Amino acid sequence: MKSIDLCPRLQKSMDIIGRRWTGLIIYQLLQGPQRFSEIEAALPISGRLLSERLKELEQEGIVLREVFPETPVRIQYSLTDKGRALETVIRDLQAWSDEWIKPGECQPEAGSQRPPE
């Protein structure tokens, strides 16, 4: 089998977007800025893993974490310009899925918190 030379930047982007839950977190944030609890309620993901992914996305410059000095402190997450630039990729994946993934192929993951919508 022939080896493929992957561009390091393409590999890096696939590593980022291909991490479990990352694409769905970005998809959720395409709706606009949200608090942690809103994202957590929308996705069947543990709080620990969501926190980990949001930190990774923040380090990559894809998500912005804003802290508002209120009582109690309010923290909000939103997409940066770099994150919003992924919208076409996410929407194209959604369109591909709508065309090629049959409804019966969508099985809830073991241990998911909620049934699929």
PDB file of N, CA and C in Angstrom:
ATOM      1  N   MET A   1       0.842  -1.175   0.000  1.00  0.00           N
ATOM      2  CA  MET A   1       0.000   0.000   0.000  1.00  0.00           C
ATOM      3  C   MET A   1       0.889   1.240   0.000  1.00  0.00           C
ATOM      4  N   LYS A   2       0.544   2.221  -0.801  1.00  0.00           N
ATOM      5  CA  LYS A   2       1.335   3.430  -0.939  1.00  0.00           C
ATOM      6  C   LYS A   2       1.128   4.349   0.265  1.00  0.00           C
ATOM      7  N   SER A   3       2.216   4.879   0.780  1.00  0.00           N
ATOM      8  CA  SER A   3       2.153   5.813   1.902  1.00  0.00           C
ATOM      9  C   SER A   3       1.745   7.187   1.393  1.00  0.00           C
ATOM     10  N   ILE A   4       0.935   7.871   2.166  1.00  0.00           N
ATOM     11  CA  ILE A   4       0.481   9.209   1.794  1.00  0.00           C
ATOM     12  C   ILE A   4       1.236  10.224   2.637  1.00  0.00           C
ATOM     13  N   ASP A   5       1.837  11.206   1.970  1.00  0.00           N
ATOM     14  CA  ASP A   5       2.486  12.290   2.693  1.00  0.00           C
ATOM     15  C   ASP A   5       1.429  13.337   3.019  1.00  0.00           C
ATOM     16  N   LEU A   6       1.092  13.430   4.282  1.00  0.00           N
ATOM     17  CA  LEU A   6       0.101  14.409   4.700  1.00  0.00           C
ATOM     18  C   LEU A   6       0.777  15.719   5.064  1.00  0.00           C
ATOM     19  N   CYS A   7       0.169  16.791   4.630  1.00  0.00           N
ATOM     20  CA  CYS A   7       0.632  18.106   5.027  1.00  0.00           C
ATOM     21  C   CYS A   7       0.486  18.210   6.538  1.00  0.00           C
ATOM     22  N   PRO A   8       1.516  18.620   7.247  1.00  0.00           N
ATOM     23  CA  PRO A   8       1.409  18.718   8.707  1.00  0.00           C
ATOM     24  C   PRO A   8       0.233  19.593   9.166  1.00  0.00           C
ATOM     25  N   ARG A   9      -0.095  20.635   8.407  1.00  0.00           N
ATOM     26  CA  ARG A   9      -1.219  21.493   8.794  1.00  0.00           C
ATOM     27  C   ARG A   9      -2.540  20.761   8.644  1.00  0.00           C
ATOM     28  N   LEU A  10      -2.685  19.958   7.591  1.00  0.00           N
ATOM     29  CA  LEU A  10      -3.905  19.173   7.424  1.00  0.00           C
ATOM     30  C   LEU A  10      -4.032  18.163   8.550  1.00  0.00           C
ATOM     31  N   GLN A  11      -2.937  17.510   8.887  1.00  0.00           N
ATOM     32  CA  GLN A  11      -2.954  16.544   9.987  1.00  0.00           C
ATOM     33  C   GLN A  11      -3.360  17.217  11.285  1.00  0.00           C
ATOM     34  N   LYS A  12      -2.807  18.392  11.549  1.00  0.00           N
ATOM     35  CA  LYS A  12      -3.133  19.145  12.768  1.00  0.00           C
ATOM     36  C   LYS A  12      -4.620  19.487  12.795  1.00  0.00           C
ATOM     37  N   SER A  13      -5.162  19.946  11.671  1.00  0.00           N
ATOM     38  CA  SER A  13      -6.585  20.311  11.641  1.00  0.00           C
ATOM     39  C   SER A  13      -7.466  19.082  11.844  1.00  0.00           C
ATOM     40  N   MET A  14      -7.082  17.955  11.270  1.00  0.00           N
ATOM     41  CA  MET A  14      -7.853  16.721  11.458  1.00  0.00           C
ATOM     42  C   MET A  14      -7.769  16.255  12.913  1.00  0.00           C
ATOM     43  N   ASP A  15      -6.614  16.432  13.538  1.00  0.00           N
ATOM     44  CA  ASP A  15      -6.466  16.071  14.950  1.00  0.00           C
ATOM     45  C   ASP A  15      -7.389  16.920  15.821  1.00  0.00           C
ATOM     46  N   ILE A  16      -7.488  18.199  15.513  1.00  0.00           N
ATOM     47  CA  ILE A  16      -8.334  19.097  16.303  1.00  0.00           C
ATOM     48  C   ILE A  16      -9.807  18.765  16.115  1.00  0.00           C
ATOM     49  N   ILE A  17     -10.269  18.791  14.891  1.00  0.00           N
ATOM     50  CA  ILE A  17     -11.699  18.614  14.614  1.00  0.00           C
ATOM     51  C   ILE A  17     -12.156  17.174  14.842  1.00  0.00           C
ATOM     52  N   GLY A  18     -11.234  16.227  14.758  1.00  0.00           N
ATOM     53  CA  GLY A  18     -11.590  14.825  14.899  1.00  0.00           C
ATOM     54  C   GLY A  18     -11.677  14.326  16.329  1.00  0.00           C
ATOM     55  N   ARG A  19     -11.327  15.160  17.289  1.00  0.00           N
ATOM     56  CA  ARG A  19     -11.423  14.738  18.689  1.00  0.00           C
ATOM     57  C   ARG A  19     -12.880  14.552  19.064  1.00  0.00           C
ATOM     58  N   ARG A  20     -13.123  13.569  19.885  1.00  0.00           N
ATOM     59  CA  ARG A  20     -14.479  13.242  20.303  1.00  0.00           C
ATOM     60  C   ARG A  20     -15.173  14.470  20.897  1.00  0.00           C
ATOM     61  N   TRP A  21     -16.344  14.792  20.394  1.00  0.00           N
ATOM     62  CA  TRP A  21     -17.229  15.878  20.821  1.00  0.00           C
ATOM     63  C   TRP A  21     -16.827  17.250  20.300  1.00  0.00           C
ATOM     64  N   THR A  22     -15.626  17.423  19.789  1.00  0.00           N
ATOM     65  CA  THR A  22     -15.176  18.748  19.373  1.00  0.00           C
ATOM     66  C   THR A  22     -16.074  19.346  18.297  1.00  0.00           C
ATOM     67  N   GLY A  23     -16.372  18.573  17.263  1.00  0.00           N
ATOM     68  CA  GLY A  23     -17.227  19.091  16.192  1.00  0.00           C
ATOM     69  C   GLY A  23     -18.599  19.487  16.695  1.00  0.00           C
ATOM     70  N   LEU A  24     -19.161  18.715  17.604  1.00  0.00           N
ATOM     71  CA  LEU A  24     -20.492  19.032  18.131  1.00  0.00           C
ATOM     72  C   LEU A  24     -20.459  20.241  19.064  1.00  0.00           C
ATOM     73  N   ILE A  25     -19.369  20.441  19.762  1.00  0.00           N
ATOM     74  CA  ILE A  25     -19.222  21.640  20.593  1.00  0.00           C
ATOM     75  C   ILE A  25     -19.159  22.869  19.694  1.00  0.00           C
ATOM     76  N   ILE A  26     -18.378  22.789  18.634  1.00  0.00           N
ATOM     77  CA  ILE A  26     -18.299  23.906  17.691  1.00  0.00           C
ATOM     78  C   ILE A  26     -19.671  24.144  17.062  1.00  0.00           C
ATOM     79  N   TYR A  27     -20.342  23.075  16.660  1.00  0.00           N
ATOM     80  CA  TYR A  27     -21.685  23.177  16.088  1.00  0.00           C
ATOM     81  C   TYR A  27     -22.620  23.901  17.060  1.00  0.00           C
ATOM     82  N   GLN A  28     -22.566  23.551  18.322  1.00  0.00           N
ATOM     83  CA  GLN A  28     -23.410  24.188  19.334  1.00  0.00           C
ATOM     84  C   GLN A  28     -23.082  25.672  19.470  1.00  0.00           C
ATOM     85  N   LEU A  29     -21.801  26.012  19.444  1.00  0.00           N
ATOM     86  CA  LEU A  29     -21.397  27.408  19.600  1.00  0.00           C
ATOM     87  C   LEU A  29     -21.647  28.248  18.349  1.00  0.00           C
ATOM     88  N   LEU A  30     -21.925  27.603  17.217  1.00  0.00           N
ATOM     89  CA  LEU A  30     -22.311  28.357  16.019  1.00  0.00           C
ATOM     90  C   LEU A  30     -23.629  29.094  16.246  1.00  0.00           C
ATOM     91  N   GLN A  31     -24.398  28.668  17.240  1.00  0.00           N
ATOM     92  CA  GLN A  31     -25.663  29.326  17.571  1.00  0.00           C
ATOM     93  C   GLN A  31     -25.443  30.625  18.339  1.00  0.00           C
ATOM     94  N   GLY A  32     -24.225  30.862  18.787  1.00  0.00           N
ATOM     95  CA  GLY A  32     -23.906  32.084  19.515  1.00  0.00           C
ATOM     96  C   GLY A  32     -23.285  31.769  20.863  1.00  0.00           C
ATOM     97  N   PRO A  33     -22.863  32.827  21.578  1.00  0.00           N
ATOM     98  CA  PRO A  33     -22.224  32.655  22.874  1.00  0.00           C
ATOM     99  C   PRO A  33     -23.128  31.902  23.857  1.00  0.00           C
ATOM    100  N   GLN A  34     -22.499  31.024  24.654  1.00  0.00           N
ATOM    101  CA  GLN A  34     -23.258  30.222  25.603  1.00  0.00           C
ATOM    102  C   GLN A  34     -22.458  29.999  26.872  1.00  0.00           C
ATOM    103  N   ARG A  35     -23.190  29.780  27.943  1.00  0.00           N
ATOM    104  CA  ARG A  35     -22.564  29.414  29.209  1.00  0.00           C
ATOM    105  C   ARG A  35     -22.301  27.913  29.200  1.00  0.00           C
ATOM    106  N   PHE A  36     -21.408  27.496  30.083  1.00  0.00           N
ATOM    107  CA  PHE A  36     -21.040  26.085  30.180  1.00  0.00           C
ATOM    108  C   PHE A  36     -22.280  25.209  30.354  1.00  0.00           C
ATOM    109  N   SER A  37     -23.173  25.605  31.245  1.00  0.00           N
ATOM    110  CA  SER A  37     -24.358  24.793  31.539  1.00  0.00           C
ATOM    111  C   SER A  37     -25.268  24.644  30.321  1.00  0.00           C
ATOM    112  N   GLU A  38     -25.310  25.656  29.452  1.00  0.00           N
ATOM    113  CA  GLU A  38     -26.129  25.575  28.239  1.00  0.00           C
ATOM    114  C   GLU A  38     -25.549  24.553  27.261  1.00  0.00           C
ATOM    115  N   ILE A  39     -24.235  24.581  27.116  1.00  0.00           N
ATOM    116  CA  ILE A  39     -23.576  23.626  26.225  1.00  0.00           C
ATOM    117  C   ILE A  39     -23.746  22.212  26.774  1.00  0.00           C
ATOM    118  N   GLU A  40     -23.536  22.067  28.067  1.00  0.00           N
ATOM    119  CA  GLU A  40     -23.643  20.759  28.717  1.00  0.00           C
ATOM    120  C   GLU A  40     -25.057  20.191  28.584  1.00  0.00           C
ATOM    121  N   ALA A  41     -26.071  21.054  28.698  1.00  0.00           N
ATOM    122  CA  ALA A  41     -27.462  20.600  28.591  1.00  0.00           C
ATOM    123  C   ALA A  41     -27.811  20.191  27.165  1.00  0.00           C
ATOM    124  N   ALA A  42     -27.142  20.793  26.188  1.00  0.00           N
ATOM    125  CA  ALA A  42     -27.458  20.522  24.782  1.00  0.00           C
ATOM    126  C   ALA A  42     -26.791  19.256  24.250  1.00  0.00           C
ATOM    127  N   LEU A  43     -25.708  18.816  24.899  1.00  0.00           N
ATOM    128  CA  LEU A  43     -24.944  17.678  24.407  1.00  0.00           C
ATOM    129  C   LEU A  43     -24.871  16.580  25.464  1.00  0.00           C
ATOM    130  N   PRO A  44     -24.925  15.323  25.052  1.00  0.00           N
ATOM    131  CA  PRO A  44     -24.795  14.228  26.021  1.00  0.00           C
ATOM    132  C   PRO A  44     -23.328  13.948  26.346  1.00  0.00           C
ATOM    133  N   ILE A  45     -22.701  14.894  27.032  1.00  0.00           N
ATOM    134  CA  ILE A  45     -21.271  14.836  27.333  1.00  0.00           C
ATOM    135  C   ILE A  45     -21.085  15.129  28.823  1.00  0.00           C
ATOM    136  N   SER A  46     -20.104  14.495  29.428  1.00  0.00           N
ATOM    137  CA  SER A  46     -19.857  14.755  30.848  1.00  0.00           C
ATOM    138  C   SER A  46     -19.261  16.151  31.010  1.00  0.00           C
ATOM    139  N   GLY A  47     -19.497  16.737  32.155  1.00  0.00           N
ATOM    140  CA  GLY A  47     -18.947  18.056  32.444  1.00  0.00           C
ATOM    141  C   GLY A  47     -17.436  18.073  32.407  1.00  0.00           C
ATOM    142  N   ARG A  48     -16.814  16.996  32.876  1.00  0.00           N
ATOM    143  CA  ARG A  48     -15.356  16.916  32.889  1.00  0.00           C
ATOM    144  C   ARG A  48     -14.803  16.938  31.467  1.00  0.00           C
ATOM    145  N   LEU A  49     -15.398  16.140  30.583  1.00  0.00           N
ATOM    146  CA  LEU A  49     -14.914  16.078  29.212  1.00  0.00           C
ATOM    147  C   LEU A  49     -15.211  17.377  28.462  1.00  0.00           C
ATOM    148  N   LEU A  50     -16.377  17.965  28.715  1.00  0.00           N
ATOM    149  CA  LEU A  50     -16.705  19.244  28.086  1.00  0.00           C
ATOM    150  C   LEU A  50     -15.700  20.305  28.503  1.00  0.00           C
ATOM    151  N   SER A  51     -15.373  20.356  29.771  1.00  0.00           N
ATOM    152  CA  SER A  51     -14.391  21.318  30.266  1.00  0.00           C
ATOM    153  C   SER A  51     -13.039  21.111  29.590  1.00  0.00           C
ATOM    154  N   GLU A  52     -12.635  19.864  29.460  1.00  0.00           N
ATOM    155  CA  GLU A  52     -11.360  19.528  28.806  1.00  0.00           C
ATOM    156  C   GLU A  52     -11.356  19.989  27.351  1.00  0.00           C
ATOM    157  N   ARG A  53     -12.440  19.686  26.633  1.00  0.00           N
ATOM    158  CA  ARG A  53     -12.500  20.072  25.220  1.00  0.00           C
ATOM    159  C   ARG A  53     -12.535  21.588  25.048  1.00  0.00           C
ATOM    160  N   LEU A  54     -13.285  22.280  25.899  1.00  0.00           N
ATOM    161  CA  LEU A  54     -13.334  23.740  25.800  1.00  0.00           C
ATOM    162  C   LEU A  54     -11.954  24.345  26.050  1.00  0.00           C
ATOM    163  N   LYS A  55     -11.201  23.810  26.999  1.00  0.00           N
ATOM    164  CA  LYS A  55      -9.840  24.300  27.262  1.00  0.00           C
ATOM    165  C   LYS A  55      -8.945  24.071  26.046  1.00  0.00           C
ATOM    166  N   GLU A  56      -9.064  22.890  25.436  1.00  0.00           N
ATOM    167  CA  GLU A  56      -8.267  22.591  24.237  1.00  0.00           C
ATOM    168  C   GLU A  56      -8.614  23.557  23.107  1.00  0.00           C
ATOM    169  N   LEU A  57      -9.903  23.788  22.903  1.00  0.00           N
ATOM    170  CA  LEU A  57     -10.338  24.687  21.836  1.00  0.00           C
ATOM    171  C   LEU A  57      -9.915  26.132  22.125  1.00  0.00           C
ATOM    172  N   GLU A  58      -9.890  26.500  23.380  1.00  0.00           N
ATOM    173  CA  GLU A  58      -9.411  27.833  23.759  1.00  0.00           C
ATOM    174  C   GLU A  58      -7.910  27.951  23.461  1.00  0.00           C
ATOM    175  N   GLN A  59      -7.142  26.917  23.792  1.00  0.00           N
ATOM    176  CA  GLN A  59      -5.699  26.928  23.527  1.00  0.00           C
ATOM    177  C   GLN A  59      -5.409  27.000  22.032  1.00  0.00           C
ATOM    178  N   GLU A  60      -6.285  26.412  21.228  1.00  0.00           N
ATOM    179  CA  GLU A  60      -6.109  26.431  19.773  1.00  0.00           C
ATOM    180  C   GLU A  60      -6.587  27.742  19.148  1.00  0.00           C
ATOM    181  N   GLY A  61      -7.192  28.615  19.949  1.00  0.00           N
ATOM    182  CA  GLY A  61      -7.686  29.892  19.437  1.00  0.00           C
ATOM    183  C   GLY A  61      -9.017  29.772  18.712  1.00  0.00           C
ATOM    184  N   ILE A  62      -9.753  28.696  18.959  1.00  0.00           N
ATOM    185  CA  ILE A  62     -11.034  28.453  18.297  1.00  0.00           C
ATOM    186  C   ILE A  62     -12.200  28.943  19.155  1.00  0.00           C
ATOM    187  N   VAL A  63     -12.038  28.851  20.468  1.00  0.00           N
ATOM    188  CA  VAL A  63     -13.077  29.267  21.417  1.00  0.00           C
ATOM    189  C   VAL A  63     -12.523  30.373  22.298  1.00  0.00           C
ATOM    190  N   LEU A  64     -13.369  31.348  22.581  1.00  0.00           N
ATOM    191  CA  LEU A  64     -13.027  32.431  23.498  1.00  0.00           C
ATOM    192  C   LEU A  64     -13.799  32.215  24.792  1.00  0.00           C
ATOM    193  N   ARG A  65     -13.095  32.246  25.905  1.00  0.00           N
ATOM    194  CA  ARG A  65     -13.706  32.122  27.235  1.00  0.00           C
ATOM    195  C   ARG A  65     -13.688  33.504  27.861  1.00  0.00           C
ATOM    196  N   GLU A  66     -14.864  34.049  28.128  1.00  0.00           N
ATOM    197  CA  GLU A  66     -14.969  35.373  28.730  1.00  0.00           C
ATOM    198  C   GLU A  66     -15.511  35.247  30.150  1.00  0.00           C
ATOM    199  N   VAL A  67     -14.849  35.929  31.062  1.00  0.00           N
ATOM    200  CA  VAL A  67     -15.279  35.954  32.458  1.00  0.00           C
ATOM    201  C   VAL A  67     -15.839  37.341  32.739  1.00  0.00           C
ATOM    202  N   PHE A  68     -17.083  37.376  33.208  1.00  0.00           N
ATOM    203  CA  PHE A  68     -17.734  38.630  33.541  1.00  0.00           C
ATOM    204  C   PHE A  68     -17.727  38.798  35.065  1.00  0.00           C
ATOM    205  N   PRO A  69     -17.133  39.878  35.561  1.00  0.00           N
ATOM    206  CA  PRO A  69     -17.003  40.069  37.012  1.00  0.00           C
ATOM    207  C   PRO A  69     -18.333  40.485  37.648  1.00  0.00           C
ATOM    208  N   GLU A  70     -19.228  39.544  37.720  1.00  0.00           N
ATOM    209  CA  GLU A  70     -20.528  39.761  38.335  1.00  0.00           C
ATOM    210  C   GLU A  70     -20.609  38.869  39.559  1.00  0.00           C
ATOM    211  N   THR A  71     -21.663  39.027  40.315  1.00  0.00           N
ATOM    212  CA  THR A  71     -21.898  38.128  41.439  1.00  0.00           C
ATOM    213  C   THR A  71     -23.196  37.391  41.186  1.00  0.00           C
ATOM    214  N   PRO A  72     -23.151  36.070  40.975  1.00  0.00           N
ATOM    215  CA  PRO A  72     -21.955  35.237  40.863  1.00  0.00           C
ATOM    216  C   PRO A  72     -21.245  35.474  39.532  1.00  0.00           C
ATOM    217  N   VAL A  73     -20.002  35.057  39.467  1.00  0.00           N
ATOM    218  CA  VAL A  73     -19.200  35.229  38.250  1.00  0.00           C
ATOM    219  C   VAL A  73     -19.880  34.498  37.097  1.00  0.00           C
ATOM    220  N   ARG A  74     -19.935  35.156  35.943  1.00  0.00           N
ATOM    221  CA  ARG A  74     -20.535  34.545  34.752  1.00  0.00           C
ATOM    222  C   ARG A  74     -19.426  34.285  33.749  1.00  0.00           C
ATOM    223  N   ILE A  75     -19.391  33.062  33.223  1.00  0.00           N
ATOM    224  CA  ILE A  75     -18.408  32.682  32.206  1.00  0.00           C
ATOM    225  C   ILE A  75     -19.170  32.292  30.956  1.00  0.00           C
ATOM    226  N   GLN A  76     -18.727  32.831  29.841  1.00  0.00           N
ATOM    227  CA  GLN A  76     -19.400  32.596  28.573  1.00  0.00           C
ATOM    228  C   GLN A  76     -18.379  32.141  27.527  1.00  0.00           C
ATOM    229  N   TYR A  77     -18.796  31.216  26.689  1.00  0.00           N
ATOM    230  CA  TYR A  77     -17.948  30.694  25.623  1.00  0.00           C
ATOM    231  C   TYR A  77     -18.515  31.103  24.280  1.00  0.00           C
ATOM    232  N   SER A  78     -17.630  31.467  23.372  1.00  0.00           N
ATOM    233  CA  SER A  78     -18.043  31.817  22.012  1.00  0.00           C
ATOM    234  C   SER A  78     -16.928  31.422  21.050  1.00  0.00           C
ATOM    235  N   LEU A  79     -17.262  31.407  19.778  1.00  0.00           N
ATOM    236  CA  LEU A  79     -16.267  31.097  18.762  1.00  0.00           C
ATOM    237  C   LEU A  79     -15.492  32.354  18.389  1.00  0.00           C
ATOM    238  N   THR A  80     -14.215  32.201  18.192  1.00  0.00           N
ATOM    239  CA  THR A  80     -13.386  33.277  17.663  1.00  0.00           C
ATOM    240  C   THR A  80     -13.595  33.310  16.146  1.00  0.00           C
ATOM    241  N   ASP A  81     -12.938  34.238  15.470  1.00  0.00           N
ATOM    242  CA  ASP A  81     -12.999  34.264  14.004  1.00  0.00           C
ATOM    243  C   ASP A  81     -12.483  32.938  13.442  1.00  0.00           C
ATOM    244  N   LYS A  82     -11.428  32.420  14.048  1.00  0.00           N
ATOM    245  CA  LYS A  82     -10.861  31.137  13.630  1.00  0.00           C
ATOM    246  C   LYS A  82     -11.893  30.023  13.803  1.00  0.00           C
ATOM    247  N   GLY A  83     -12.650  30.049  14.885  1.00  0.00           N
ATOM    248  CA  GLY A  83     -13.691  29.056  15.125  1.00  0.00           C
ATOM    249  C   GLY A  83     -14.860  29.208  14.175  1.00  0.00           C
ATOM    250  N   ARG A  84     -15.282  30.446  13.937  1.00  0.00           N
ATOM    251  CA  ARG A  84     -16.406  30.684  13.015  1.00  0.00           C
ATOM    252  C   ARG A  84     -16.043  30.290  11.587  1.00  0.00           C
ATOM    253  N   ALA A  85     -14.757  30.327  11.268  1.00  0.00           N
ATOM    254  CA  ALA A  85     -14.314  29.928   9.929  1.00  0.00           C
ATOM    255  C   ALA A  85     -14.560  28.440   9.682  1.00  0.00           C
ATOM    256  N   LEU A  86     -14.797  27.676  10.738  1.00  0.00           N
ATOM    257  CA  LEU A  86     -15.096  26.245  10.600  1.00  0.00           C
ATOM    258  C   LEU A  86     -16.571  25.990  10.255  1.00  0.00           C
ATOM    259  N   GLU A  87     -17.381  27.033  10.224  1.00  0.00           N
ATOM    260  CA  GLU A  87     -18.813  26.839   9.984  1.00  0.00           C
ATOM    261  C   GLU A  87     -19.083  26.100   8.679  1.00  0.00           C
ATOM    262  N   THR A  88     -18.411  26.466   7.599  1.00  0.00           N
ATOM    263  CA  THR A  88     -18.666  25.782   6.329  1.00  0.00           C
ATOM    264  C   THR A  88     -18.286  24.308   6.409  1.00  0.00           C
ATOM    265  N   VAL A  89     -17.212  24.003   7.111  1.00  0.00           N
ATOM    266  CA  VAL A  89     -16.785  22.606   7.283  1.00  0.00           C
ATOM    267  C   VAL A  89     -17.859  21.832   8.052  1.00  0.00           C
ATOM    268  N   ILE A  90     -18.330  22.407   9.150  1.00  0.00           N
ATOM    269  CA  ILE A  90     -19.340  21.754   9.989  1.00  0.00           C
ATOM    270  C   ILE A  90     -20.648  21.604   9.218  1.00  0.00           C
ATOM    271  N   ARG A  91     -21.056  22.642   8.515  1.00  0.00           N
ATOM    272  CA  ARG A  91     -22.319  22.585   7.749  1.00  0.00           C
ATOM    273  C   ARG A  91     -22.207  21.571   6.605  1.00  0.00           C
ATOM    274  N   ASP A  92     -21.045  21.507   5.962  1.00  0.00           N
ATOM    275  CA  ASP A  92     -20.848  20.515   4.900  1.00  0.00           C
ATOM    276  C   ASP A  92     -20.899  19.094   5.455  1.00  0.00           C
ATOM    277  N   LEU A  93     -20.322  18.876   6.627  1.00  0.00           N
ATOM    278  CA  LEU A  93     -20.404  17.561   7.267  1.00  0.00           C
ATOM    279  C   LEU A  93     -21.854  17.220   7.611  1.00  0.00           C
ATOM    280  N   GLN A  94     -22.597  18.218   8.056  1.00  0.00           N
ATOM    281  CA  GLN A  94     -24.008  17.996   8.364  1.00  0.00           C
ATOM    282  C   GLN A  94     -24.773  17.602   7.098  1.00  0.00           C
ATOM    283  N   ALA A  95     -24.530  18.305   6.008  1.00  0.00           N
ATOM    284  CA  ALA A  95     -25.202  17.992   4.750  1.00  0.00           C
ATOM    285  C   ALA A  95     -24.802  16.604   4.254  1.00  0.00           C
ATOM    286  N   TRP A  96     -23.530  16.262   4.349  1.00  0.00           N
ATOM    287  CA  TRP A  96     -23.068  14.931   3.955  1.00  0.00           C
ATOM    288  C   TRP A  96     -23.758  13.863   4.791  1.00  0.00           C
ATOM    289  N   SER A  97     -23.837  14.103   6.105  1.00  0.00           N
ATOM    290  CA  SER A  97     -24.491  13.152   7.007  1.00  0.00           C
ATOM    291  C   SER A  97     -25.963  12.984   6.667  1.00  0.00           C
ATOM    292  N   ASP A  98     -26.633  14.092   6.378  1.00  0.00           N
ATOM    293  CA  ASP A  98     -28.056  14.034   6.026  1.00  0.00           C
ATOM    294  C   ASP A  98     -28.282  13.186   4.780  1.00  0.00           C
ATOM    295  N   GLU A  99     -27.336  13.250   3.854  1.00  0.00           N
ATOM    296  CA  GLU A  99     -27.488  12.502   2.608  1.00  0.00           C
ATOM    297  C   GLU A  99     -27.053  11.045   2.735  1.00  0.00           C
ATOM    298  N   TRP A 100     -25.990  10.781   3.479  1.00  0.00           N
ATOM    299  CA  TRP A 100     -25.367   9.468   3.429  1.00  0.00           C
ATOM    300  C   TRP A 100     -25.507   8.596   4.680  1.00  0.00           C
ATOM    301  N   ILE A 101     -25.881   9.169   5.805  1.00  0.00           N
ATOM    302  CA  ILE A 101     -26.040   8.382   7.031  1.00  0.00           C
ATOM    303  C   ILE A 101     -27.523   8.095   7.222  1.00  0.00           C
ATOM    304  N   LYS A 102     -27.866   6.823   7.239  1.00  0.00           N
ATOM    305  CA  LYS A 102     -29.261   6.428   7.405  1.00  0.00           C
ATOM    306  C   LYS A 102     -29.672   6.594   8.866  1.00  0.00           C
ATOM    307  N   PRO A 103     -30.938   6.977   9.113  1.00  0.00           N
ATOM    308  CA  PRO A 103     -31.390   7.172  10.497  1.00  0.00           C
ATOM    309  C   PRO A 103     -31.119   5.960  11.392  1.00  0.00           C
ATOM    310  N   GLY A 104     -31.246   4.761  10.891  1.00  0.00           N
ATOM    311  CA  GLY A 104     -30.996   3.572  11.692  1.00  0.00           C
ATOM    312  C   GLY A 104     -29.548   3.398  12.086  1.00  0.00           C
ATOM    313  N   GLU A 105     -28.638   4.116  11.417  1.00  0.00           N
ATOM    314  CA  GLU A 105     -27.209   4.025  11.739  1.00  0.00           C
ATOM    315  C   GLU A 105     -26.824   4.931  12.904  1.00  0.00           C
ATOM    316  N   CYS A 106     -27.738   5.768  13.333  1.00  0.00           N
ATOM    317  CA  CYS A 106     -27.468   6.693  14.434  1.00  0.00           C
ATOM    318  C   CYS A 106     -27.864   6.030  15.740  1.00  0.00           C
ATOM    319  N   GLN A 107     -26.902   5.434  16.395  1.00  0.00           N
ATOM    320  CA  GLN A 107     -27.138   4.752  17.668  1.00  0.00           C
ATOM    321  C   GLN A 107     -26.598   5.610  18.792  1.00  0.00           C
ATOM    322  N   PRO A 108     -27.330   5.705  19.904  1.00  0.00           N
ATOM    323  CA  PRO A 108     -26.791   6.459  21.037  1.00  0.00           C
ATOM    324  C   PRO A 108     -25.543   5.770  21.567  1.00  0.00           C
ATOM    325  N   GLU A 109     -24.590   6.565  22.005  1.00  0.00           N
ATOM    326  CA  GLU A 109     -23.358   6.004  22.564  1.00  0.00           C
ATOM    327  C   GLU A 109     -23.639   5.396  23.918  1.00  0.00           C
ATOM    328  N   ALA A 110     -22.900   4.367  24.229  1.00  0.00           N
ATOM    329  CA  ALA A 110     -23.036   3.745  25.549  1.00  0.00           C
ATOM    330  C   ALA A 110     -22.735   4.782  26.611  1.00  0.00           C
ATOM    331  N   GLY A 111     -23.607   4.874  27.578  1.00  0.00           N
ATOM    332  CA  GLY A 111     -23.394   5.806  28.677  1.00  0.00           C
ATOM    333  C   GLY A 111     -23.792   7.230  28.367  1.00  0.00           C
ATOM    334  N   SER A 112     -24.453   7.482  27.229  1.00  0.00           N
ATOM    335  CA  SER A 112     -24.865   8.853  26.954  1.00  0.00           C
ATOM    336  C   SER A 112     -25.944   9.244  27.951  1.00  0.00           C
ATOM    337  N   GLN A 113     -25.993  10.530  28.253  1.00  0.00           N
ATOM    338  CA  GLN A 113     -26.870  11.024  29.299  1.00  0.00           C
ATOM    339  C   GLN A 113     -28.320  11.142  28.843  1.00  0.00           C
ATOM    340  N   ARG A 114     -28.521  11.346  27.538  1.00  0.00           N
ATOM    341  CA  ARG A 114     -29.870  11.549  27.045  1.00  0.00           C
ATOM    342  C   ARG A 114     -30.068  10.743  25.770  1.00  0.00           C
ATOM    343  N   PRO A 115     -31.304  10.432  25.426  1.00  0.00           N
ATOM    344  CA  PRO A 115     -31.545   9.791  24.153  1.00  0.00           C
ATOM    345  C   PRO A 115     -31.303  10.786  23.030  1.00  0.00           C
ATOM    346  N   PRO A 116     -30.969  10.315  21.816  1.00  0.00           N
ATOM    347  CA  PRO A 116     -30.737  11.243  20.702  1.00  0.00           C
ATOM    348  C   PRO A 116     -32.024  11.969  20.353  1.00  0.00           C
ATOM    349  N   GLU A 117     -31.851  13.198  19.853  1.00  0.00           N
ATOM    350  CA  GLU A 117     -33.031  14.013  19.490  1.00  0.00           C
ATOM    351  C   GLU A 117     -33.328  13.897  18.021  1.00  0.00           C
TER     352      GLU A 117
END
